[in-house]
Amino acid sequence: MKPSLRFALSFGLTLGFIAHIRAEDVPQKPKLDRLDAERTHVMLREAYTSVKKNYYDPTFHGMDLDARYHEYDTRLNQASSLGGAFRTIAAFLAGFHDSHLFFMPPGRAVKVDPGYRMQMVGERCIVTRVRPETDAAHKLKPGDQIVQFAGYRRHIRSP
């Protein structure tokens, strides 16, 4: 079979397969809940109004601030997570290329305490404290060396 005919045949079969997929078969992208979506739109609007009112360059480096705001406000509707929405707001401000203009997201309400503390001592990561009656207390003790953390293994250099 000629290569061009083989390509046309495989291309036609691929198109036929793609055309056969129904919209309901395609997984839908998750969305933010209504409250988080509203809050992130308010955050973007606050960033926009603050820049418009207080930025040192009234021409905004030649940028159309209103158009940029509307573009990123629309992008926020596509965010599927709170982190994605925060990245969108940060990108809105990053377009100014100004180190004094950045987005600092609000602190999260959840605080994770693993039950131990660790600290770098030279090139070694050492457990410094372990809270009693935690899962960590059954596995760790002060002075233990951490050689792997969150999937990253410490590289030990040879002398």
N, C-alpha and C. Protein backbone atom coordinates (compact mmCIF):
# COMPACT_ATOMS: atom_id res chain seq x y z
N MET A 1 0.85 -1.19 0.00
CA MET A 1 0.00 0.00 0.00
C MET A 1 0.89 1.24 0.00
N LYS A 2 0.53 2.21 -0.81
CA LYS A 2 1.30 3.45 -0.91
C LYS A 2 1.22 4.22 0.41
N PRO A 3 2.32 4.89 0.79
CA PRO A 3 2.30 5.67 2.04
C PRO A 3 1.21 6.74 2.06
N SER A 4 0.96 7.41 0.94
CA SER A 4 -0.07 8.46 0.93
C SER A 4 -1.45 7.85 1.12
N LEU A 5 -1.71 6.67 0.55
CA LEU A 5 -2.99 6.00 0.72
C LEU A 5 -3.15 5.52 2.16
N ARG A 6 -2.05 5.00 2.74
CA ARG A 6 -2.07 4.55 4.13
C ARG A 6 -2.39 5.72 5.05
N PHE A 7 -1.77 6.88 4.80
CA PHE A 7 -2.02 8.08 5.60
C PHE A 7 -3.48 8.51 5.46
N ALA A 8 -4.00 8.55 4.24
CA ALA A 8 -5.38 8.97 4.01
C ALA A 8 -6.35 8.03 4.70
N LEU A 9 -6.07 6.72 4.65
CA LEU A 9 -6.95 5.74 5.28
C LEU A 9 -6.93 5.91 6.80
N SER A 10 -5.72 6.03 7.39
CA SER A 10 -5.64 6.18 8.85
C SER A 10 -6.23 7.52 9.29
N PHE A 11 -6.03 8.57 8.49
CA PHE A 11 -6.59 9.88 8.82
C PHE A 11 -8.11 9.82 8.78
N GLY A 12 -8.66 9.16 7.76
CA GLY A 12 -10.11 9.03 7.64
C GLY A 12 -10.71 8.23 8.78
N LEU A 13 -10.04 7.15 9.18
CA LEU A 13 -10.52 6.35 10.31
C LEU A 13 -10.48 7.15 11.61
N THR A 14 -9.42 7.94 11.78
CA THR A 14 -9.30 8.78 12.98
C THR A 14 -10.42 9.81 13.02
N LEU A 15 -10.67 10.46 11.89
CA LEU A 15 -11.76 11.44 11.85
C LEU A 15 -13.11 10.78 12.14
N GLY A 16 -13.30 9.59 11.58
CA GLY A 16 -14.56 8.88 11.84
C GLY A 16 -14.73 8.55 13.30
N PHE A 17 -13.63 8.15 13.95
CA PHE A 17 -13.68 7.83 15.37
C PHE A 17 -13.98 9.08 16.19
N ILE A 18 -13.31 10.18 15.85
CA ILE A 18 -13.52 11.43 16.59
C ILE A 18 -14.96 11.91 16.42
N ALA A 19 -15.48 11.80 15.22
CA ALA A 19 -16.85 12.25 14.97
C ALA A 19 -17.86 11.41 15.73
N HIS A 20 -17.47 10.19 16.08
CA HIS A 20 -18.38 9.28 16.77
C HIS A 20 -18.50 9.58 18.27
N ILE A 21 -17.53 10.32 18.81
CA ILE A 21 -17.56 10.65 20.23
C ILE A 21 -18.65 11.68 20.48
N ARG A 22 -19.53 11.39 21.43
CA ARG A 22 -20.59 12.33 21.79
C ARG A 22 -20.10 13.27 22.89
N ALA A 23 -20.70 14.42 22.98
CA ALA A 23 -20.29 15.42 23.97
C ALA A 23 -20.41 14.88 25.38
N GLU A 24 -21.43 14.05 25.65
CA GLU A 24 -21.59 13.55 27.02
C GLU A 24 -20.55 12.50 27.37
N ASP A 25 -19.82 11.98 26.37
CA ASP A 25 -18.76 11.01 26.63
C ASP A 25 -17.48 11.69 27.10
N VAL A 26 -17.34 12.96 26.81
CA VAL A 26 -16.14 13.70 27.17
C VAL A 26 -16.27 14.14 28.62
N PRO A 27 -15.29 13.79 29.48
CA PRO A 27 -15.39 14.19 30.88
C PRO A 27 -15.38 15.71 31.01
N GLN A 28 -16.25 16.21 31.86
CA GLN A 28 -16.36 17.65 32.08
C GLN A 28 -15.33 18.09 33.11
N LYS A 29 -14.79 19.27 32.90
CA LYS A 29 -13.81 19.86 33.80
C LYS A 29 -14.54 20.29 35.07
N PRO A 30 -14.01 19.94 36.25
CA PRO A 30 -14.68 20.37 37.48
C PRO A 30 -14.62 21.89 37.62
N LYS A 31 -15.58 22.44 38.31
CA LYS A 31 -15.66 23.89 38.51
C LYS A 31 -15.51 24.20 40.00
N LEU A 32 -15.14 25.44 40.27
CA LEU A 32 -15.13 25.92 41.65
C LEU A 32 -16.55 25.99 42.16
N ASP A 33 -16.72 25.87 43.46
CA ASP A 33 -18.07 26.07 43.98
C ASP A 33 -18.42 27.56 43.88
N ARG A 34 -19.68 27.87 43.95
CA ARG A 34 -20.17 29.23 43.71
C ARG A 34 -19.52 30.25 44.64
N LEU A 35 -19.38 29.91 45.92
CA LEU A 35 -18.82 30.86 46.89
C LEU A 35 -17.35 31.18 46.58
N ASP A 36 -16.54 30.15 46.30
CA ASP A 36 -15.14 30.39 45.97
C ASP A 36 -15.00 31.16 44.66
N ALA A 37 -15.87 30.86 43.69
CA ALA A 37 -15.83 31.58 42.41
C ALA A 37 -16.12 33.07 42.63
N GLU A 38 -17.14 33.36 43.44
CA GLU A 38 -17.48 34.76 43.73
C GLU A 38 -16.33 35.46 44.44
N ARG A 39 -15.73 34.78 45.41
CA ARG A 39 -14.63 35.38 46.17
C ARG A 39 -13.43 35.69 45.27
N THR A 40 -13.11 34.79 44.36
CA THR A 40 -11.95 35.04 43.50
C THR A 40 -12.24 36.17 42.51
N HIS A 41 -13.48 36.30 42.05
CA HIS A 41 -13.83 37.43 41.19
C HIS A 41 -13.70 38.74 41.97
N VAL A 42 -14.07 38.74 43.23
CA VAL A 42 -13.91 39.94 44.07
C VAL A 42 -12.43 40.26 44.25
N MET A 43 -11.60 39.23 44.46
CA MET A 43 -10.15 39.46 44.61
C MET A 43 -9.57 40.09 43.35
N LEU A 44 -9.96 39.57 42.19
CA LEU A 44 -9.46 40.14 40.93
C LEU A 44 -9.94 41.58 40.77
N ARG A 45 -11.20 41.84 41.10
CA ARG A 45 -11.73 43.20 40.98
C ARG A 45 -10.99 44.15 41.92
N GLU A 46 -10.67 43.69 43.12
CA GLU A 46 -9.92 44.51 44.08
C GLU A 46 -8.51 44.80 43.55
N ALA A 47 -7.87 43.80 42.96
CA ALA A 47 -6.54 44.02 42.38
C ALA A 47 -6.63 45.05 41.26
N TYR A 48 -7.62 44.91 40.42
CA TYR A 48 -7.83 45.84 39.30
C TYR A 48 -8.05 47.27 39.81
N THR A 49 -8.96 47.45 40.74
CA THR A 49 -9.27 48.80 41.22
C THR A 49 -8.08 49.41 41.97
N SER A 50 -7.34 48.58 42.69
CA SER A 50 -6.17 49.08 43.42
C SER A 50 -5.09 49.54 42.45
N VAL A 51 -4.86 48.76 41.40
CA VAL A 51 -3.87 49.16 40.39
C VAL A 51 -4.33 50.42 39.69
N LYS A 52 -5.60 50.46 39.31
CA LYS A 52 -6.12 51.62 38.57
C LYS A 52 -6.00 52.90 39.40
N LYS A 53 -6.21 52.78 40.70
CA LYS A 53 -6.19 53.95 41.56
C LYS A 53 -4.78 54.35 42.00
N ASN A 54 -3.90 53.36 42.23
CA ASN A 54 -2.63 53.65 42.90
C ASN A 54 -1.37 53.43 42.08
N TYR A 55 -1.46 52.87 40.89
CA TYR A 55 -0.23 52.54 40.15
C TYR A 55 0.50 53.79 39.73
N TYR A 56 1.81 53.77 39.83
CA TYR A 56 2.63 54.97 39.59
C TYR A 56 2.59 55.44 38.14
N ASP A 57 2.38 54.54 37.21
CA ASP A 57 2.35 54.91 35.79
C ASP A 57 0.90 54.99 35.33
N PRO A 58 0.36 56.19 35.11
CA PRO A 58 -1.05 56.32 34.74
C PRO A 58 -1.37 55.70 33.37
N THR A 59 -0.33 55.39 32.57
CA THR A 59 -0.58 54.73 31.28
C THR A 59 -0.47 53.22 31.39
N PHE A 60 -0.10 52.72 32.57
CA PHE A 60 0.04 51.28 32.84
C PHE A 60 0.97 50.62 31.81
N HIS A 61 2.07 51.28 31.52
CA HIS A 61 3.08 50.78 30.55
C HIS A 61 2.45 50.53 29.17
N GLY A 62 1.46 51.34 28.82
CA GLY A 62 0.81 51.20 27.51
C GLY A 62 -0.22 50.08 27.46
N MET A 63 -0.52 49.47 28.57
CA MET A 63 -1.46 48.36 28.63
C MET A 63 -2.89 48.89 28.77
N ASP A 64 -3.83 48.25 28.10
CA ASP A 64 -5.24 48.58 28.27
C ASP A 64 -5.74 47.82 29.51
N LEU A 65 -5.72 48.50 30.65
CA LEU A 65 -6.03 47.86 31.93
C LEU A 65 -7.45 47.31 31.95
N ASP A 66 -8.41 48.06 31.41
CA ASP A 66 -9.80 47.60 31.42
C ASP A 66 -9.96 46.32 30.61
N ALA A 67 -9.35 46.27 29.43
CA ALA A 67 -9.44 45.07 28.58
C ALA A 67 -8.77 43.89 29.27
N ARG A 68 -7.62 44.15 29.90
CA ARG A 68 -6.91 43.08 30.60
C ARG A 68 -7.76 42.54 31.74
N TYR A 69 -8.39 43.43 32.48
CA TYR A 69 -9.26 42.99 33.58
C TYR A 69 -10.39 42.10 33.05
N HIS A 70 -11.06 42.52 31.99
CA HIS A 70 -12.17 41.73 31.46
C HIS A 70 -11.70 40.38 30.93
N GLU A 71 -10.52 40.36 30.33
CA GLU A 71 -9.96 39.09 29.84
C GLU A 71 -9.73 38.12 31.00
N TYR A 72 -9.12 38.60 32.07
CA TYR A 72 -8.81 37.72 33.20
C TYR A 72 -10.05 37.40 34.03
N ASP A 73 -11.02 38.28 34.03
CA ASP A 73 -12.29 37.98 34.70
C ASP A 73 -12.98 36.82 33.98
N THR A 74 -12.90 36.81 32.66
CA THR A 74 -13.45 35.69 31.88
C THR A 74 -12.65 34.42 32.12
N ARG A 75 -11.33 34.54 32.20
CA ARG A 75 -10.49 33.36 32.47
C ARG A 75 -10.81 32.74 33.82
N LEU A 76 -11.18 33.56 34.79
CA LEU A 76 -11.52 33.02 36.12
C LEU A 76 -12.69 32.04 36.03
N ASN A 77 -13.59 32.25 35.07
CA ASN A 77 -14.73 31.34 34.92
C ASN A 77 -14.29 29.94 34.52
N GLN A 78 -13.10 29.81 33.96
CA GLN A 78 -12.58 28.51 33.51
C GLN A 78 -11.80 27.78 34.60
N ALA A 79 -11.52 28.46 35.71
CA ALA A 79 -10.71 27.84 36.77
C ALA A 79 -11.44 26.65 37.38
N SER A 80 -10.73 25.55 37.52
CA SER A 80 -11.35 24.34 38.07
C SER A 80 -10.95 24.09 39.51
N SER A 81 -10.08 24.95 40.06
CA SER A 81 -9.68 24.79 41.45
C SER A 81 -9.36 26.17 42.02
N LEU A 82 -9.29 26.24 43.32
CA LEU A 82 -8.94 27.49 43.98
C LEU A 82 -7.52 27.91 43.60
N GLY A 83 -6.61 26.94 43.54
CA GLY A 83 -5.25 27.24 43.12
C GLY A 83 -5.19 27.79 41.70
N GLY A 84 -6.00 27.23 40.82
CA GLY A 84 -6.06 27.72 39.44
C GLY A 84 -6.59 29.14 39.37
N ALA A 85 -7.57 29.44 40.20
CA ALA A 85 -8.12 30.81 40.25
C ALA A 85 -7.06 31.77 40.78
N PHE A 86 -6.32 31.35 41.80
CA PHE A 86 -5.26 32.21 42.35
C PHE A 86 -4.17 32.44 41.30
N ARG A 87 -3.83 31.41 40.51
CA ARG A 87 -2.84 31.57 39.45
C ARG A 87 -3.31 32.59 38.41
N THR A 88 -4.61 32.58 38.12
CA THR A 88 -5.17 33.52 37.15
C THR A 88 -5.03 34.96 37.66
N ILE A 89 -5.34 35.17 38.92
CA ILE A 89 -5.21 36.51 39.51
C ILE A 89 -3.74 36.94 39.51
N ALA A 90 -2.86 36.02 39.87
CA ALA A 90 -1.42 36.33 39.87
C ALA A 90 -0.95 36.67 38.46
N ALA A 91 -1.45 35.97 37.46
CA ALA A 91 -1.05 36.23 36.07
C ALA A 91 -1.54 37.60 35.62
N PHE A 92 -2.72 38.01 36.09
CA PHE A 92 -3.23 39.34 35.77
C PHE A 92 -2.21 40.40 36.19
N LEU A 93 -1.67 40.28 37.39
CA LEU A 93 -0.71 41.25 37.89
C LEU A 93 0.69 41.05 37.33
N ALA A 94 1.05 39.82 37.00
CA ALA A 94 2.39 39.54 36.49
C ALA A 94 2.63 40.19 35.13
N GLY A 95 1.57 40.49 34.41
CA GLY A 95 1.70 41.12 33.10
C GLY A 95 2.31 42.51 33.15
N PHE A 96 2.37 43.10 34.33
CA PHE A 96 2.98 44.42 34.48
C PHE A 96 4.50 44.33 34.54
N HIS A 97 5.04 43.16 34.79
CA HIS A 97 6.48 42.95 34.91
C HIS A 97 7.08 43.93 35.92
N ASP A 98 6.42 44.02 37.06
CA ASP A 98 6.82 44.94 38.12
C ASP A 98 6.99 44.13 39.40
N SER A 99 8.21 44.12 39.93
CA SER A 99 8.48 43.29 41.12
C SER A 99 7.73 43.76 42.36
N HIS A 100 7.20 44.98 42.33
CA HIS A 100 6.45 45.48 43.48
C HIS A 100 4.96 45.20 43.38
N LEU A 101 4.55 44.58 42.31
CA LEU A 101 3.14 44.33 42.06
C LEU A 101 2.93 42.82 41.94
N PHE A 102 2.33 42.22 42.95
CA PHE A 102 2.15 40.77 42.94
C PHE A 102 0.92 40.42 43.76
N PHE A 103 0.44 39.20 43.59
CA PHE A 103 -0.73 38.70 44.31
C PHE A 103 -0.26 37.79 45.42
N MET A 104 -0.74 38.05 46.62
CA MET A 104 -0.47 37.19 47.76
C MET A 104 -1.80 36.58 48.19
N PRO A 105 -2.01 35.30 47.88
CA PRO A 105 -3.30 34.69 48.19
C PRO A 105 -3.55 34.64 49.70
N PRO A 106 -4.80 34.59 50.09
CA PRO A 106 -5.11 34.51 51.52
C PRO A 106 -4.63 33.19 52.10
N GLY A 107 -4.37 33.19 53.38
CA GLY A 107 -3.96 31.96 54.06
C GLY A 107 -5.08 30.93 54.02
N ARG A 108 -4.70 29.70 54.03
CA ARG A 108 -5.68 28.61 54.03
C ARG A 108 -6.16 28.33 55.44
N ALA A 109 -7.37 27.87 55.57
CA ALA A 109 -7.96 27.61 56.88
C ALA A 109 -7.44 26.30 57.48
N VAL A 110 -6.90 25.43 56.66
CA VAL A 110 -6.44 24.14 57.14
C VAL A 110 -4.95 24.21 57.45
N LYS A 111 -4.59 23.79 58.64
CA LYS A 111 -3.19 23.74 59.01
C LYS A 111 -2.85 22.27 59.27
N VAL A 112 -1.82 21.79 58.63
CA VAL A 112 -1.42 20.40 58.77
C VAL A 112 -0.25 20.32 59.73
N ASP A 113 -0.38 19.46 60.74
CA ASP A 113 0.71 19.23 61.68
C ASP A 113 1.07 17.75 61.61
N PRO A 114 2.24 17.42 61.06
CA PRO A 114 2.60 16.02 60.91
C PRO A 114 3.00 15.34 62.21
N GLY A 115 3.13 16.10 63.29
CA GLY A 115 3.49 15.51 64.58
C GLY A 115 4.98 15.50 64.85
N TYR A 116 5.76 16.09 63.97
CA TYR A 116 7.21 16.16 64.18
C TYR A 116 7.76 17.42 63.54
N ARG A 117 8.96 17.78 63.93
CA ARG A 117 9.68 18.90 63.33
C ARG A 117 11.02 18.38 62.83
N MET A 118 11.48 18.98 61.74
CA MET A 118 12.79 18.61 61.22
C MET A 118 13.55 19.87 60.87
N GLN A 119 14.86 19.74 60.80
CA GLN A 119 15.71 20.90 60.54
C GLN A 119 16.96 20.42 59.82
N MET A 120 17.44 21.28 58.93
CA MET A 120 18.69 20.97 58.24
C MET A 120 19.86 21.28 59.18
N VAL A 121 20.76 20.32 59.31
CA VAL A 121 21.98 20.49 60.10
C VAL A 121 23.11 20.14 59.15
N GLY A 122 23.76 21.17 58.62
CA GLY A 122 24.76 20.93 57.58
C GLY A 122 24.04 20.42 56.34
N GLU A 123 24.44 19.25 55.86
CA GLU A 123 23.80 18.65 54.69
C GLU A 123 22.81 17.56 55.08
N ARG A 124 22.55 17.44 56.36
CA ARG A 124 21.64 16.38 56.84
C ARG A 124 20.34 16.99 57.35
N CYS A 125 19.24 16.28 57.11
CA CYS A 125 17.93 16.69 57.63
C CYS A 125 17.65 15.82 58.85
N ILE A 126 17.51 16.46 60.00
CA ILE A 126 17.40 15.75 61.27
C ILE A 126 16.03 16.03 61.91
N VAL A 127 15.42 15.00 62.50
CA VAL A 127 14.19 15.16 63.27
C VAL A 127 14.58 15.83 64.59
N THR A 128 13.97 16.97 64.88
CA THR A 128 14.32 17.71 66.10
C THR A 128 13.31 17.52 67.22
N ARG A 129 12.05 17.33 66.87
CA ARG A 129 11.02 17.13 67.89
C ARG A 129 9.96 16.17 67.37
N VAL A 130 9.38 15.39 68.28
CA VAL A 130 8.28 14.50 67.93
C VAL A 130 7.21 14.67 69.00
N ARG A 131 6.00 14.96 68.57
CA ARG A 131 4.91 15.13 69.53
C ARG A 131 4.43 13.76 70.00
N PRO A 132 4.33 13.55 71.31
CA PRO A 132 3.89 12.26 71.83
C PRO A 132 2.46 11.91 71.36
N GLU A 133 2.20 10.63 71.30
CA GLU A 133 0.88 10.09 70.96
C GLU A 133 0.39 10.51 69.57
N THR A 134 1.32 10.55 68.64
CA THR A 134 0.97 10.77 67.23
C THR A 134 1.51 9.58 66.44
N ASP A 135 1.09 9.47 65.20
CA ASP A 135 1.64 8.41 64.34
C ASP A 135 3.15 8.55 64.22
N ALA A 136 3.61 9.79 64.18
CA ALA A 136 5.04 10.04 64.05
C ALA A 136 5.81 9.50 65.26
N ALA A 137 5.22 9.57 66.45
CA ALA A 137 5.90 9.10 67.66
C ALA A 137 6.17 7.60 67.62
N HIS A 138 5.39 6.87 66.84
CA HIS A 138 5.60 5.43 66.73
C HIS A 138 6.70 5.10 65.72
N LYS A 139 7.06 6.06 64.89
CA LYS A 139 8.01 5.79 63.81
C LYS A 139 9.30 6.59 63.90
N LEU A 140 9.27 7.73 64.59
CA LEU A 140 10.43 8.63 64.62
C LEU A 140 10.82 8.97 66.04
N LYS A 141 12.09 9.38 66.18
CA LYS A 141 12.55 9.93 67.46
C LYS A 141 13.53 11.05 67.16
N PRO A 142 13.67 12.02 68.05
CA PRO A 142 14.63 13.10 67.81
C PRO A 142 16.02 12.55 67.52
N GLY A 143 16.65 13.13 66.51
CA GLY A 143 17.98 12.67 66.10
C GLY A 143 17.95 11.79 64.87
N ASP A 144 16.77 11.24 64.51
CA ASP A 144 16.68 10.45 63.28
C ASP A 144 17.00 11.33 62.08
N GLN A 145 17.61 10.72 61.06
CA GLN A 145 17.94 11.46 59.84
C GLN A 145 16.88 11.14 58.79
N ILE A 146 16.37 12.18 58.15
CA ILE A 146 15.41 12.02 57.05
C ILE A 146 16.23 11.87 55.78
N VAL A 147 16.08 10.72 55.10
CA VAL A 147 16.83 10.50 53.86
C VAL A 147 15.92 10.57 52.64
N GLN A 148 14.60 10.53 52.85
CA GLN A 148 13.65 10.68 51.75
C GLN A 148 12.43 11.41 52.28
N PHE A 149 11.95 12.39 51.47
CA PHE A 149 10.80 13.18 51.90
C PHE A 149 9.96 13.51 50.68
N ALA A 150 8.67 13.22 50.74
CA ALA A 150 7.73 13.53 49.66
C ALA A 150 8.22 13.00 48.31
N GLY A 151 8.80 11.82 48.32
CA GLY A 151 9.25 11.21 47.07
C GLY A 151 10.64 11.62 46.62
N TYR A 152 11.26 12.56 47.32
CA TYR A 152 12.61 13.00 46.96
C TYR A 152 13.61 12.33 47.88
N ARG A 153 14.55 11.63 47.29
CA ARG A 153 15.58 10.95 48.06
C ARG A 153 16.82 11.82 48.13
N ARG A 154 17.39 11.91 49.30
CA ARG A 154 18.60 12.69 49.51
C ARG A 154 19.75 12.02 48.78
N HIS A 155 20.50 12.83 48.07
CA HIS A 155 21.69 12.34 47.38
C HIS A 155 22.86 12.43 48.34
N ILE A 156 23.44 11.31 48.67
CA ILE A 156 24.58 11.30 49.60
C ILE A 156 25.85 11.30 48.75
N ARG A 157 26.67 12.32 48.95
CA ARG A 157 27.90 12.47 48.19
C ARG A 157 29.00 11.58 48.77
N SER A 158 29.78 11.04 47.88
CA SER A 158 30.94 10.25 48.33
C SER A 158 32.09 11.20 48.60
N PRO A 159 32.92 10.92 49.64
CA PRO A 159 34.06 11.80 49.92
C PRO A 159 35.12 11.71 48.84
